């Protein structure tokens, strides 16, 4: 936000300076000064836009790191253990296999 404010101040200062200077110039010089001012403002705007995009990308990356993906972590472990429990109850795996897999999922 500070950069945008600085850009606005710089652009505003450039506008005032060019207007003051252009009032002392002839027609051709005045047009050249205005064209240069417009180019400077366009460059400042492009820099401001690039900075805003960079900040948005950084915020998005930070949000992705902060929030775990759905189906990961504790929820995923719980689902896996529930599936193993159902397999144990159906007789597909033994109590020992269930305990070993559960310990592996929990990392203990």
Protein backbone atom coordinates (compact mmCIF):
# COMPACT_ATOMS: atom_id res chain seq x y z
CA UNK A 1 0.00 0.00 0.00
CA UNK A 2 2.90 2.37 0.75
CA UNK A 3 4.31 1.88 -2.73
CA UNK A 4 0.99 2.78 -4.31
CA UNK A 5 0.83 5.94 -2.24
CA UNK A 6 4.39 6.85 -3.25
CA UNK A 7 3.52 6.20 -6.88
CA UNK A 8 0.50 8.46 -6.61
CA UNK A 9 2.57 11.20 -5.00
CA UNK A 10 5.31 10.88 -7.63
CA UNK A 11 2.75 10.89 -10.45
CA UNK A 12 1.00 13.90 -8.93
CA UNK A 13 4.30 15.72 -8.50
CA UNK A 14 5.21 14.96 -12.10
CA UNK A 15 1.86 16.35 -13.23
CA UNK A 16 2.34 19.59 -11.31
CA UNK A 17 5.93 19.98 -12.51
CA UNK A 18 5.00 19.42 -16.15
CA UNK A 19 2.04 21.80 -15.95
CA UNK A 20 4.21 24.50 -14.41
CA UNK A 21 6.95 23.93 -16.97
CA UNK A 22 4.56 23.65 -19.90
CA UNK A 23 3.02 27.04 -19.12
CA UNK A 24 6.44 28.58 -19.82
CA UNK A 25 7.01 26.61 -23.07
CA UNK A 26 5.94 27.00 -26.63
CA UNK A 27 3.37 24.73 -28.32
CA UNK A 28 5.80 22.04 -29.57
CA UNK A 29 7.74 21.84 -26.35
CA UNK A 30 4.51 21.72 -24.39
CA UNK A 31 3.30 18.69 -26.35
CA UNK A 32 6.64 16.94 -25.87
CA UNK A 33 6.54 17.60 -22.13
CA UNK A 34 3.00 16.26 -21.90
CA UNK A 35 3.95 13.17 -23.90
CA UNK A 36 6.92 12.55 -21.60
CA UNK A 37 4.67 13.01 -18.57
CA UNK A 38 2.13 10.55 -19.94
CA UNK A 39 4.90 8.02 -20.59
CA UNK A 40 6.25 8.45 -17.06
CA UNK A 41 2.79 7.99 -15.57
CA UNK A 42 2.22 4.88 -17.70
CA UNK A 43 5.53 3.42 -16.51
CA UNK A 44 4.66 4.15 -12.88
CA UNK A 45 1.25 2.55 -13.34
CA UNK A 46 2.84 -0.55 -14.89
CA UNK A 47 5.26 -0.82 -11.97
CA UNK A 48 2.40 -0.41 -9.52
CA UNK A 49 0.36 -3.10 -11.30
CA UNK A 50 3.32 -5.51 -11.29
CA UNK A 51 3.85 -4.92 -7.57
CA UNK A 52 0.16 -5.51 -6.84
CA UNK A 53 0.27 -8.79 -8.79
CA UNK A 54 3.39 -9.87 -6.92
CA UNK A 55 1.80 -9.07 -3.57
CA UNK A 56 -1.35 -10.99 -4.51
CA UNK A 57 0.73 -14.00 -5.53
CA UNK A 58 2.64 -13.87 -2.23
CA UNK A 59 -0.59 -13.67 -0.24
CA UNK A 60 -2.05 -16.60 -2.17
CA UNK A 61 1.09 -18.68 -1.58
CA UNK A 62 1.02 -17.84 2.14
CA UNK A 63 -2.64 -18.86 2.35
CA UNK A 64 -1.90 -22.20 0.69
CA UNK A 65 0.90 -22.91 3.15
CA UNK A 66 -1.19 -21.88 6.15
CA UNK A 67 -4.26 -23.95 5.26
CA UNK A 68 -3.72 -27.69 4.83
CA UNK A 69 -5.26 -29.31 1.80
CA UNK A 70 -8.60 -31.07 2.33
CA UNK A 71 -8.24 -34.76 3.07
CA UNK A 72 -4.80 -34.40 4.61
CA UNK A 73 -3.54 -34.49 8.14
CA UNK A 74 -5.69 -35.67 11.01
CA UNK A 75 -8.86 -36.09 8.92
CA UNK A 76 -7.06 -38.34 6.46
CA UNK A 77 -5.57 -40.40 9.29
CA UNK A 78 -8.97 -40.83 10.90
CA UNK A 79 -10.50 -42.00 7.62
CA UNK A 80 -7.71 -44.52 7.06
CA UNK A 81 -8.06 -45.89 10.59
CA UNK A 82 -11.85 -46.17 10.20
CA UNK A 83 -11.37 -48.13 6.98
CA UNK A 84 -8.88 -50.41 8.69
CA UNK A 85 -11.28 -50.91 11.58
CA UNK A 86 -14.03 -51.91 9.18
CA UNK A 87 -11.66 -54.36 7.46
CA UNK A 88 -10.75 -55.82 10.88
CA UNK A 89 -14.44 -56.14 11.80
CA UNK A 90 -15.10 -57.95 8.50
CA UNK A 91 -12.23 -60.32 9.16
CA UNK A 92 -10.15 -59.09 6.22
CA UNK A 93 -7.21 -58.20 8.49
CA UNK A 94 -6.20 -59.45 11.93
CA UNK A 95 -6.09 -57.45 15.16
CA UNK A 96 -2.27 -57.44 14.94
CA UNK A 97 -2.31 -56.16 11.36
CA UNK A 98 -4.80 -53.46 12.37
CA UNK A 99 -2.62 -52.38 15.32
CA UNK A 100 0.53 -52.30 13.17
CA UNK A 101 -1.11 -50.28 10.38
CA UNK A 102 -2.72 -47.90 12.89
CA UNK A 103 0.67 -47.24 14.52
CA UNK A 104 2.18 -46.66 11.08
CA UNK A 105 -0.55 -44.15 10.13
CA UNK A 106 -0.18 -42.29 13.43
CA UNK A 107 3.60 -42.34 13.17
CA UNK A 108 4.12 -44.07 16.50
